[in-house]
Amino acid sequence: MELKDLRYFIEVVKYGSFTKAAAHTYISQPTLSKSLKKLETELKVELFERSTRKLKLTDAGEIVYKQGAKILGTTNELTTLLDDLIHLPTGTIKIGIPPLIGTLFFPTIAKNFGKAYPDVTLELVELGAKRIEQLVEEGQVDVGIIVLPIDHSKFNILPFMKEEFMLYTHKDHSLAKKEAVNIQQLAEETFILFNREFALHELIIEQCHNAGFQPNIAFESSQWDLIAELVSAELGITLLPKSIYAKMNSDVIQMIPIQEPPMWELGVITRKERYQSFAVRTLLSFLSEESHLTFFSNQS
């Protein structure tokens, strides 16, 4: 069994699509299919249920995926251990960031860190916070910036920033002229949220439940800018962190403070008991020293 075949299989599962996995690994889809067929032949099992439209793992596929992720994680650790013999911050760091966090912070992180450490490449993995958490745990991502809270028993956690949520509506909405609103006032509103892959989805629903109502969700998306467009089209309201307003069309969208607002707490995570390369330790030190206020000022 070749590691590249196992790696291709992991990529297909990660992206849920042969087409996306082939594009990410820069090989043709027929080559990718041939590689997975070879893996199935060598292991004498079927990895995917081919009778369903949606890509679904067989029982054997689940086992191969879990063990394969561990094998590749261990292989990556071997490489970083050898690289660290020269104690230089070199190599590639896979950093997992949900799209909203990536929009706000990654360009400035990449720019400032790249200036200081030009021999280290930051490879961005942009998925929902729940998926990022899983990839960090499996060793497929070195560092994640996610929404807290998180399981302290599995991860090292470095607090990154804390910010309040705001209400976002169209300028013509009845709440747009309010100086502030409370969550209870939103009981009859139509919500536009991130989908269930994102920690913000559960956070907002929990806030609504605490206020005594089940939110009416009209749309869910994985992209913050689409959520903003739907608000601009007067199709609903949304709750997002305050800093994202700088990226929105303020001529159309109004930001309104929330009384006793829910808080957006971010943390930088790494997996406990996993070896950290010198480059990863350098990035963690960089992130701990850089204030989020610096990131915001550099974006303006």
C-alpha atoms as a PDB file:
ATOM      1  CA  MET A   1       0.000   0.000   0.000  1.00  0.00           C
ATOM      2  CA  GLU A   2       1.442   3.348  -1.059  1.00  0.00           C
ATOM      3  CA  LEU A   3       1.064   6.426   1.108  1.00  0.00           C
ATOM      4  CA  LYS A   4       0.012   8.523  -1.889  1.00  0.00           C
ATOM      5  CA  ASP A   5      -3.011   6.244  -2.484  1.00  0.00           C
ATOM      6  CA  LEU A   6      -3.976   6.582   1.163  1.00  0.00           C
ATOM      7  CA  ARG A   7      -3.502  10.342   0.986  1.00  0.00           C
ATOM      8  CA  TYR A   8      -5.744  10.601  -2.087  1.00  0.00           C
ATOM      9  CA  PHE A   9      -8.440   8.578  -0.278  1.00  0.00           C
ATOM     10  CA  ILE A  10      -8.263  10.909   2.742  1.00  0.00           C
ATOM     11  CA  GLU A  11      -8.598  13.927   0.431  1.00  0.00           C
ATOM     12  CA  VAL A  12     -11.721  12.480  -1.242  1.00  0.00           C
ATOM     13  CA  VAL A  13     -13.353  11.923   2.160  1.00  0.00           C
ATOM     14  CA  LYS A  14     -12.295  15.369   3.384  1.00  0.00           C
ATOM     15  CA  TYR A  15     -13.784  17.202   0.394  1.00  0.00           C
ATOM     16  CA  GLY A  16     -16.723  14.813  -0.103  1.00  0.00           C
ATOM     17  CA  SER A  17     -16.110  14.812  -3.835  1.00  0.00           C
ATOM     18  CA  PHE A  18     -13.784  13.160  -6.348  1.00  0.00           C
ATOM     19  CA  THR A  19     -13.809  16.340  -8.428  1.00  0.00           C
ATOM     20  CA  LYS A  20     -12.824  18.666  -5.567  1.00  0.00           C
ATOM     21  CA  ALA A  21     -10.208  16.226  -4.268  1.00  0.00           C
ATOM     22  CA  ALA A  22      -8.661  15.898  -7.720  1.00  0.00           C
ATOM     23  CA  ALA A  23      -8.473  19.676  -8.076  1.00  0.00           C
ATOM     24  CA  HIS A  24      -6.916  20.063  -4.626  1.00  0.00           C
ATOM     25  CA  THR A  25      -4.281  17.376  -5.242  1.00  0.00           C
ATOM     26  CA  TYR A  26      -3.573  18.601  -8.799  1.00  0.00           C
ATOM     27  CA  ILE A  27      -4.216  15.241 -10.483  1.00  0.00           C
ATOM     28  CA  SER A  28      -6.859  14.178 -12.978  1.00  0.00           C
ATOM     29  CA  GLN A  29     -10.066  12.581 -11.748  1.00  0.00           C
ATOM     30  CA  PRO A  30      -9.373   9.328 -13.692  1.00  0.00           C
ATOM     31  CA  THR A  31      -5.951   9.082 -12.013  1.00  0.00           C
ATOM     32  CA  LEU A  32      -7.559   9.647  -8.625  1.00  0.00           C
ATOM     33  CA  SER A  33     -10.222   6.982  -9.291  1.00  0.00           C
ATOM     34  CA  LYS A  34      -7.536   4.538 -10.430  1.00  0.00           C
ATOM     35  CA  SER A  35      -5.532   5.171  -7.268  1.00  0.00           C
ATOM     36  CA  LEU A  36      -8.541   4.475  -5.021  1.00  0.00           C
ATOM     37  CA  LYS A  37      -9.434   1.343  -6.993  1.00  0.00           C
ATOM     38  CA  LYS A  38      -5.874   0.151  -6.459  1.00  0.00           C
ATOM     39  CA  LEU A  39      -6.194   0.791  -2.722  1.00  0.00           C
ATOM     40  CA  GLU A  40      -9.452  -1.166  -2.577  1.00  0.00           C
ATOM     41  CA  THR A  41      -7.842  -4.060  -4.455  1.00  0.00           C
ATOM     42  CA  GLU A  42      -4.856  -4.160  -2.108  1.00  0.00           C
ATOM     43  CA  LEU A  43      -7.024  -3.987   1.005  1.00  0.00           C
ATOM     44  CA  LYS A  44      -9.664  -6.330  -0.480  1.00  0.00           C
ATOM     45  CA  VAL A  45     -12.552  -4.082   0.595  1.00  0.00           C
ATOM     46  CA  GLU A  46     -14.873  -1.476  -0.912  1.00  0.00           C
ATOM     47  CA  LEU A  47     -14.299   1.967   0.543  1.00  0.00           C
ATOM     48  CA  PHE A  48     -17.384   3.761  -0.820  1.00  0.00           C
ATOM     49  CA  GLU A  49     -21.011   2.827  -1.281  1.00  0.00           C
ATOM     50  CA  ARG A  50     -21.482   3.302  -4.998  1.00  0.00           C
ATOM     51  CA  SER A  51     -25.254   2.795  -4.945  1.00  0.00           C
ATOM     52  CA  THR A  52     -25.896   6.264  -3.483  1.00  0.00           C
ATOM     53  CA  ARG A  53     -25.618   9.667  -5.147  1.00  0.00           C
ATOM     54  CA  LYS A  54     -23.925  11.208  -2.148  1.00  0.00           C
ATOM     55  CA  LEU A  55     -20.425   9.995  -1.396  1.00  0.00           C
ATOM     56  CA  LYS A  56     -20.710   7.637   1.573  1.00  0.00           C
ATOM     57  CA  LEU A  57     -18.120   5.450   3.272  1.00  0.00           C
ATOM     58  CA  THR A  58     -18.664   1.745   3.859  1.00  0.00           C
ATOM     59  CA  ASP A  59     -17.928   0.291   7.290  1.00  0.00           C
ATOM     60  CA  ALA A  60     -14.517  -0.743   5.985  1.00  0.00           C
ATOM     61  CA  GLY A  61     -14.038   2.743   4.536  1.00  0.00           C
ATOM     62  CA  GLU A  62     -14.669   4.289   7.954  1.00  0.00           C
ATOM     63  CA  ILE A  63     -11.931   2.127   9.477  1.00  0.00           C
ATOM     64  CA  VAL A  64      -9.464   2.876   6.673  1.00  0.00           C
ATOM     65  CA  TYR A  65     -10.194   6.603   6.986  1.00  0.00           C
ATOM     66  CA  LYS A  66      -9.628   6.739  10.754  1.00  0.00           C
ATOM     67  CA  GLN A  67      -6.485   4.624  10.682  1.00  0.00           C
ATOM     68  CA  GLY A  68      -5.229   6.284   7.504  1.00  0.00           C
ATOM     69  CA  ALA A  69      -5.517   9.726   9.107  1.00  0.00           C
ATOM     70  CA  LYS A  70      -3.377   8.481  12.006  1.00  0.00           C
ATOM     71  CA  ILE A  71      -0.792   6.986   9.632  1.00  0.00           C
ATOM     72  CA  LEU A  72      -0.484  10.199   7.626  1.00  0.00           C
ATOM     73  CA  GLY A  73      -0.359  12.260  10.810  1.00  0.00           C
ATOM     74  CA  THR A  74       2.515  10.127  12.093  1.00  0.00           C
ATOM     75  CA  THR A  75       4.288  10.402   8.735  1.00  0.00           C
ATOM     76  CA  ASN A  76       3.986  14.192   8.849  1.00  0.00           C
ATOM     77  CA  GLU A  77       5.409  14.207  12.368  1.00  0.00           C
ATOM     78  CA  LEU A  78       8.425  12.200  11.148  1.00  0.00           C
ATOM     79  CA  THR A  79       9.112  14.854   8.521  1.00  0.00           C
ATOM     80  CA  THR A  80       8.859  17.726  10.988  1.00  0.00           C
ATOM     81  CA  LEU A  81      11.084  15.954  13.518  1.00  0.00           C
ATOM     82  CA  LEU A  82      13.813  15.640  10.891  1.00  0.00           C
ATOM     83  CA  ASP A  83      13.357  19.238   9.733  1.00  0.00           C
ATOM     84  CA  ASP A  84      13.822  20.430  13.313  1.00  0.00           C
ATOM     85  CA  LEU A  85      17.291  18.917  13.503  1.00  0.00           C
ATOM     86  CA  ILE A  86      18.600  22.170  12.086  1.00  0.00           C
ATOM     87  CA  HIS A  87      16.339  24.268  14.372  1.00  0.00           C
ATOM     88  CA  LEU A  88      15.213  26.597  11.628  1.00  0.00           C
ATOM     89  CA  PRO A  89      11.651  27.845  11.134  1.00  0.00           C
ATOM     90  CA  THR A  90      11.142  26.307   7.712  1.00  0.00           C
ATOM     91  CA  GLY A  91       8.505  24.180   6.042  1.00  0.00           C
ATOM     92  CA  THR A  92       4.742  24.355   5.647  1.00  0.00           C
ATOM     93  CA  ILE A  93       2.178  24.899   8.395  1.00  0.00           C
ATOM     94  CA  LYS A  94      -1.407  23.886   7.749  1.00  0.00           C
ATOM     95  CA  ILE A  95      -3.604  26.411   9.528  1.00  0.00           C
ATOM     96  CA  GLY A  96      -7.349  25.768   9.729  1.00  0.00           C
ATOM     97  CA  ILE A  97      -9.630  28.801   9.864  1.00  0.00           C
ATOM     98  CA  PRO A  98     -13.405  29.152   9.345  1.00  0.00           C
ATOM     99  CA  PRO A  99     -14.247  31.526   6.448  1.00  0.00           C
ATOM    100  CA  LEU A 100     -15.365  34.446   8.625  1.00  0.00           C
ATOM    101  CA  ILE A 101     -12.208  34.305  10.749  1.00  0.00           C
ATOM    102  CA  GLY A 102     -10.113  33.880   7.630  1.00  0.00           C
ATOM    103  CA  THR A 103     -11.650  36.970   6.037  1.00  0.00           C
ATOM    104  CA  LEU A 104     -10.880  39.095   9.078  1.00  0.00           C
ATOM    105  CA  PHE A 105      -7.473  37.848  10.110  1.00  0.00           C
ATOM    106  CA  PHE A 106      -5.652  35.566   7.691  1.00  0.00           C
ATOM    107  CA  PRO A 107      -4.437  38.151   5.127  1.00  0.00           C
ATOM    108  CA  THR A 108      -2.729  40.183   7.849  1.00  0.00           C
ATOM    109  CA  ILE A 109      -1.395  37.102   9.654  1.00  0.00           C
ATOM    110  CA  ALA A 110       0.059  35.790   6.408  1.00  0.00           C
ATOM    111  CA  LYS A 111       1.561  39.166   5.490  1.00  0.00           C
ATOM    112  CA  ASN A 112       3.197  39.923   8.854  1.00  0.00           C
ATOM    113  CA  PHE A 113       4.326  36.374   9.558  1.00  0.00           C
ATOM    114  CA  GLY A 114       5.649  36.012   6.015  1.00  0.00           C
ATOM    115  CA  LYS A 115       7.787  39.122   6.410  1.00  0.00           C
ATOM    116  CA  ALA A 116       9.324  37.819   9.624  1.00  0.00           C
ATOM    117  CA  TYR A 117       9.679  34.169   8.535  1.00  0.00           C
ATOM    118  CA  PRO A 118       9.906  33.990   4.723  1.00  0.00           C
ATOM    119  CA  ASP A 119      10.968  30.317   4.738  1.00  0.00           C
ATOM    120  CA  VAL A 120       7.706  29.193   6.372  1.00  0.00           C
ATOM    121  CA  THR A 121       4.655  28.686   4.165  1.00  0.00           C
ATOM    122  CA  LEU A 122       1.164  28.993   5.662  1.00  0.00           C
ATOM    123  CA  GLU A 123      -1.295  26.677   3.906  1.00  0.00           C
ATOM    124  CA  LEU A 124      -4.864  27.787   4.600  1.00  0.00           C
ATOM    125  CA  VAL A 125      -7.555  25.168   5.198  1.00  0.00           C
ATOM    126  CA  GLU A 126     -10.882  27.027   5.216  1.00  0.00           C
ATOM    127  CA  LEU A 127     -13.757  25.009   6.692  1.00  0.00           C
ATOM    128  CA  GLY A 128     -16.305  25.253   9.499  1.00  0.00           C
ATOM    129  CA  ALA A 129     -15.004  25.374  13.095  1.00  0.00           C
ATOM    130  CA  LYS A 130     -16.315  21.876  13.885  1.00  0.00           C
ATOM    131  CA  ARG A 131     -14.487  20.399  10.911  1.00  0.00           C
ATOM    132  CA  ILE A 132     -11.306  22.329  11.742  1.00  0.00           C
ATOM    133  CA  GLU A 133     -11.444  20.921  15.274  1.00  0.00           C
ATOM    134  CA  GLN A 134     -11.689  17.394  13.870  1.00  0.00           C
ATOM    135  CA  LEU A 135      -8.778  17.914  11.458  1.00  0.00           C
ATOM    136  CA  VAL A 136      -6.545  19.271  14.232  1.00  0.00           C
ATOM    137  CA  GLU A 137      -7.421  16.262  16.385  1.00  0.00           C
ATOM    138  CA  GLU A 138      -6.610  13.882  13.508  1.00  0.00           C
ATOM    139  CA  GLY A 139      -3.272  15.596  12.865  1.00  0.00           C
ATOM    140  CA  GLN A 140      -4.210  16.730   9.359  1.00  0.00           C
ATOM    141  CA  VAL A 141      -4.052  20.403  10.365  1.00  0.00           C
ATOM    142  CA  ASP A 142      -1.272  21.779  12.570  1.00  0.00           C
ATOM    143  CA  VAL A 143      -2.994  24.848  14.009  1.00  0.00           C
ATOM    144  CA  GLY A 144      -6.626  25.936  14.112  1.00  0.00           C
ATOM    145  CA  ILE A 145      -8.271  29.250  14.971  1.00  0.00           C
ATOM    146  CA  ILE A 146     -11.746  28.334  16.126  1.00  0.00           C
ATOM    147  CA  VAL A 147     -14.728  29.543  18.140  1.00  0.00           C
ATOM    148  CA  LEU A 148     -14.587  28.675  21.839  1.00  0.00           C
ATOM    149  CA  PRO A 149     -15.472  26.813  24.007  1.00  0.00           C
ATOM    150  CA  ILE A 150     -13.727  23.570  23.067  1.00  0.00           C
ATOM    151  CA  ASP A 151     -12.670  20.325  24.764  1.00  0.00           C
ATOM    152  CA  HIS A 152      -9.655  21.218  26.933  1.00  0.00           C
ATOM    153  CA  SER A 153      -8.704  17.557  27.357  1.00  0.00           C
ATOM    154  CA  LYS A 154      -7.810  17.177  23.661  1.00  0.00           C
ATOM    155  CA  PHE A 155      -6.290  20.538  22.745  1.00  0.00           C
ATOM    156  CA  ASN A 156      -3.827  23.164  23.829  1.00  0.00           C
ATOM    157  CA  ILE A 157      -5.755  26.441  23.709  1.00  0.00           C
ATOM    158  CA  LEU A 158      -4.348  29.931  23.284  1.00  0.00           C
ATOM    159  CA  PRO A 159      -6.984  32.689  23.712  1.00  0.00           C
ATOM    160  CA  PHE A 160      -6.954  34.897  20.626  1.00  0.00           C
ATOM    161  CA  MET A 161      -9.669  37.520  20.906  1.00  0.00           C
ATOM    162  CA  LYS A 162     -13.130  38.253  22.273  1.00  0.00           C
ATOM    163  CA  GLU A 163     -15.781  40.395  20.596  1.00  0.00           C
ATOM    164  CA  GLU A 164     -19.502  41.090  20.903  1.00  0.00           C
ATOM    165  CA  PHE A 165     -22.153  40.101  18.368  1.00  0.00           C
ATOM    166  CA  MET A 166     -24.250  42.733  16.627  1.00  0.00           C
ATOM    167  CA  LEU A 167     -27.562  42.631  14.774  1.00  0.00           C
ATOM    168  CA  TYR A 168     -27.386  43.235  11.003  1.00  0.00           C
ATOM    169  CA  THR A 169     -30.464  44.306   9.042  1.00  0.00           C
ATOM    170  CA  HIS A 170     -31.338  46.122   5.837  1.00  0.00           C
ATOM    171  CA  LYS A 171     -31.410  49.926   6.251  1.00  0.00           C
ATOM    172  CA  ASP A 172     -35.193  49.909   5.689  1.00  0.00           C
ATOM    173  CA  HIS A 173     -35.904  47.280   8.353  1.00  0.00           C
ATOM    174  CA  SER A 174     -38.089  48.358  11.266  1.00  0.00           C
ATOM    175  CA  LEU A 175     -35.282  47.673  13.748  1.00  0.00           C
ATOM    176  CA  ALA A 176     -32.638  49.587  11.786  1.00  0.00           C
ATOM    177  CA  LYS A 177     -33.312  52.892  13.577  1.00  0.00           C
ATOM    178  CA  LYS A 178     -33.106  51.365  17.067  1.00  0.00           C
ATOM    179  CA  GLU A 179     -30.186  52.415  19.255  1.00  0.00           C
ATOM    180  CA  ALA A 180     -30.100  48.867  20.637  1.00  0.00           C
ATOM    181  CA  VAL A 181     -32.247  45.732  20.686  1.00  0.00           C
ATOM    182  CA  ASN A 182     -32.498  42.664  22.861  1.00  0.00           C
ATOM    183  CA  ILE A 183     -32.648  39.087  21.628  1.00  0.00           C
ATOM    184  CA  GLN A 184     -36.321  38.739  22.621  1.00  0.00           C
ATOM    185  CA  GLN A 185     -37.256  41.421  20.067  1.00  0.00           C
ATOM    186  CA  LEU A 186     -36.083  39.093  17.297  1.00  0.00           C
ATOM    187  CA  ALA A 187     -38.581  36.322  18.029  1.00  0.00           C
ATOM    188  CA  GLU A 188     -40.723  37.138  14.971  1.00  0.00           C
ATOM    189  CA  GLU A 189     -37.806  37.801  12.616  1.00  0.00           C
ATOM    190  CA  THR A 190     -36.473  35.635   9.800  1.00  0.00           C
ATOM    191  CA  PHE A 191     -32.873  34.564  10.402  1.00  0.00           C
ATOM    192  CA  ILE A 192     -30.012  33.962   7.971  1.00  0.00           C
ATOM    193  CA  LEU A 193     -27.266  31.884   9.598  1.00  0.00           C
ATOM    194  CA  PHE A 194     -24.112  29.941   8.936  1.00  0.00           C
ATOM    195  CA  ASN A 195     -24.872  26.265   8.367  1.00  0.00           C
ATOM    196  CA  ARG A 196     -24.535  23.480  10.939  1.00  0.00           C
ATOM    197  CA  GLU A 197     -20.833  22.960  10.208  1.00  0.00           C
ATOM    198  CA  PHE A 198     -20.148  26.243  11.941  1.00  0.00           C
ATOM    199  CA  ALA A 199     -19.991  26.910  15.668  1.00  0.00           C
ATOM    200  CA  LEU A 200     -21.814  30.235  15.153  1.00  0.00           C
ATOM    201  CA  HIS A 201     -24.914  28.294  14.061  1.00  0.00           C
ATOM    202  CA  GLU A 202     -25.379  26.618  17.434  1.00  0.00           C
ATOM    203  CA  LEU A 203     -24.283  29.713  19.350  1.00  0.00           C
ATOM    204  CA  ILE A 204     -27.029  31.892  17.885  1.00  0.00           C
ATOM    205  CA  ILE A 205     -29.716  29.215  18.218  1.00  0.00           C
ATOM    206  CA  GLU A 206     -28.719  28.761  21.867  1.00  0.00           C
ATOM    207  CA  GLN A 207     -29.064  32.502  22.455  1.00  0.00           C
ATOM    208  CA  CYS A 208     -32.553  32.456  20.933  1.00  0.00           C
ATOM    209  CA  HIS A 209     -33.554  29.462  23.065  1.00  0.00           C
ATOM    210  CA  ASN A 210     -32.310  31.271  26.169  1.00  0.00           C
ATOM    211  CA  ALA A 211     -34.528  34.190  25.145  1.00  0.00           C
ATOM    212  CA  GLY A 212     -37.527  31.851  24.958  1.00  0.00           C
ATOM    213  CA  PHE A 213     -38.051  31.210  21.237  1.00  0.00           C
ATOM    214  CA  GLN A 214     -37.040  28.978  18.335  1.00  0.00           C
ATOM    215  CA  PRO A 215     -35.568  31.089  15.530  1.00  0.00           C
ATOM    216  CA  ASN A 216     -37.218  30.978  12.125  1.00  0.00           C
ATOM    217  CA  ILE A 217     -34.265  30.184   9.831  1.00  0.00           C
ATOM    218  CA  ALA A 218     -34.871  31.003   6.172  1.00  0.00           C
ATOM    219  CA  PHE A 219     -31.369  30.483   4.783  1.00  0.00           C
ATOM    220  CA  GLU A 220     -28.132  28.810   5.830  1.00  0.00           C
ATOM    221  CA  SER A 221     -24.777  29.316   4.139  1.00  0.00           C
ATOM    222  CA  SER A 222     -21.083  28.567   4.523  1.00  0.00           C
ATOM    223  CA  GLN A 223     -20.112  32.027   3.236  1.00  0.00           C
ATOM    224  CA  TRP A 224     -20.428  35.215   5.271  1.00  0.00           C
ATOM    225  CA  ASP A 225     -20.569  37.406   2.162  1.00  0.00           C
ATOM    226  CA  LEU A 226     -23.595  35.482   0.837  1.00  0.00           C
ATOM    227  CA  ILE A 227     -25.278  35.973   4.210  1.00  0.00           C
ATOM    228  CA  ALA A 228     -24.613  39.708   3.856  1.00  0.00           C
ATOM    229  CA  GLU A 229     -26.062  39.701   0.329  1.00  0.00           C
ATOM    230  CA  LEU A 230     -29.229  37.992   1.558  1.00  0.00           C
ATOM    231  CA  VAL A 231     -29.588  40.630   4.279  1.00  0.00           C
ATOM    232  CA  SER A 232     -29.049  43.313   1.613  1.00  0.00           C
ATOM    233  CA  ALA A 233     -31.888  41.720  -0.386  1.00  0.00           C
ATOM    234  CA  GLU A 234     -34.184  42.128   2.653  1.00  0.00           C
ATOM    235  CA  LEU A 235     -34.598  38.364   3.030  1.00  0.00           C
ATOM    236  CA  GLY A 236     -33.849  38.318   6.733  1.00  0.00           C
ATOM    237  CA  ILE A 237     -31.582  39.425   9.571  1.00  0.00           C
ATOM    238  CA  THR A 238     -28.393  37.966  10.958  1.00  0.00           C
ATOM    239  CA  LEU A 239     -26.156  38.131  14.022  1.00  0.00           C
ATOM    240  CA  LEU A 240     -22.430  38.404  13.385  1.00  0.00           C
ATOM    241  CA  PRO A 241     -19.370  39.763  15.206  1.00  0.00           C
ATOM    242  CA  LYS A 242     -18.907  43.516  15.216  1.00  0.00           C
ATOM    243  CA  SER A 243     -15.672  43.586  13.199  1.00  0.00           C
ATOM    244  CA  ILE A 244     -17.236  42.086  10.055  1.00  0.00           C
ATOM    245  CA  TYR A 245     -19.200  45.307   9.461  1.00  0.00           C
ATOM    246  CA  ALA A 246     -16.050  46.891   8.004  1.00  0.00           C
ATOM    247  CA  LYS A 247     -16.331  44.370   5.132  1.00  0.00           C
ATOM    248  CA  MET A 248     -20.025  45.006   4.445  1.00  0.00           C
ATOM    249  CA  ASN A 249     -21.872  47.540   2.300  1.00  0.00           C
ATOM    250  CA  SER A 250     -22.788  50.096   4.956  1.00  0.00           C
ATOM    251  CA  ASP A 251     -24.991  51.964   2.459  1.00  0.00           C
ATOM    252  CA  VAL A 252     -27.433  49.054   2.532  1.00  0.00           C
ATOM    253  CA  ILE A 253     -26.815  47.158   5.781  1.00  0.00           C
ATOM    254  CA  GLN A 254     -27.321  48.603   9.253  1.00  0.00           C
ATOM    255  CA  MET A 255     -25.489  47.329  12.347  1.00  0.00           C
ATOM    256  CA  ILE A 256     -27.423  47.569  15.628  1.00  0.00           C
ATOM    257  CA  PRO A 257     -25.984  46.885  19.103  1.00  0.00           C
ATOM    258  CA  ILE A 258     -27.529  44.092  21.184  1.00  0.00           C
ATOM    259  CA  GLN A 259     -28.288  44.514  24.866  1.00  0.00           C
ATOM    260  CA  GLU A 260     -26.312  41.906  26.813  1.00  0.00           C
ATOM    261  CA  PRO A 261     -24.856  40.603  23.546  1.00  0.00           C
ATOM    262  CA  PRO A 262     -23.517  37.088  22.996  1.00  0.00           C
ATOM    263  CA  MET A 263     -19.742  37.055  22.760  1.00  0.00           C
ATOM    264  CA  TRP A 264     -17.518  35.718  19.991  1.00  0.00           C
ATOM    265  CA  GLU A 265     -14.507  34.104  21.659  1.00  0.00           C
ATOM    266  CA  LEU A 266     -11.718  32.800  19.465  1.00  0.00           C
ATOM    267  CA  GLY A 267      -8.867  30.507  20.391  1.00  0.00           C
ATOM    268  CA  VAL A 268      -5.801  29.081  18.674  1.00  0.00           C
ATOM    269  CA  ILE A 269      -5.691  25.300  19.137  1.00  0.00           C
ATOM    270  CA  THR A 270      -3.157  22.524  18.678  1.00  0.00           C
ATOM    271  CA  ARG A 271      -3.553  18.860  19.523  1.00  0.00           C
ATOM    272  CA  LYS A 272      -2.232  17.792  22.908  1.00  0.00           C
ATOM    273  CA  GLU A 273       0.659  15.322  22.971  1.00  0.00           C
ATOM    274  CA  ARG A 274       1.471  15.986  19.311  1.00  0.00           C
ATOM    275  CA  TYR A 275       4.967  17.090  18.459  1.00  0.00           C
ATOM    276  CA  GLN A 276       5.103  20.743  17.420  1.00  0.00           C
ATOM    277  CA  SER A 277       7.647  21.715  14.799  1.00  0.00           C
ATOM    278  CA  PHE A 278       9.877  24.687  15.360  1.00  0.00           C
ATOM    279  CA  ALA A 279       7.889  26.505  12.671  1.00  0.00           C
ATOM    280  CA  VAL A 280       4.582  25.793  14.462  1.00  0.00           C
ATOM    281  CA  ARG A 281       6.012  26.970  17.782  1.00  0.00           C
ATOM    282  CA  THR A 282       7.190  30.126  16.041  1.00  0.00           C
ATOM    283  CA  LEU A 283       3.700  30.764  14.640  1.00  0.00           C
ATOM    284  CA  LEU A 284       2.073  30.196  18.048  1.00  0.00           C
ATOM    285  CA  SER A 285       4.493  32.663  19.614  1.00  0.00           C
ATOM    286  CA  PHE A 286       3.721  35.155  16.859  1.00  0.00           C
ATOM    287  CA  LEU A 287      -0.049  34.809  17.368  1.00  0.00           C
ATOM    288  CA  SER A 288       0.248  35.155  21.154  1.00  0.00           C
ATOM    289  CA  GLU A 289       2.252  38.364  20.830  1.00  0.00           C
ATOM    290  CA  GLU A 290       0.113  40.004  18.142  1.00  0.00           C
ATOM    291  CA  SER A 291      -2.944  41.822  19.457  1.00  0.00           C
ATOM    292  CA  HIS A 292      -6.134  41.465  17.404  1.00  0.00           C
ATOM    293  CA  LEU A 293      -6.231  45.278  17.400  1.00  0.00           C
ATOM    294  CA  THR A 294      -3.085  45.166  15.288  1.00  0.00           C
ATOM    295  CA  PHE A 295      -4.841  42.931  12.780  1.00  0.00           C
ATOM    296  CA  PHE A 296      -7.779  45.315  12.501  1.00  0.00           C
ATOM    297  CA  SER A 297      -5.616  48.398  12.086  1.00  0.00           C
ATOM    298  CA  ASN A 298      -3.648  46.714   9.309  1.00  0.00           C
ATOM    299  CA  GLN A 299      -6.827  45.954   7.392  1.00  0.00           C
ATOM    300  CA  SER A 300      -7.964  49.532   7.187  1.00  0.00           C
END
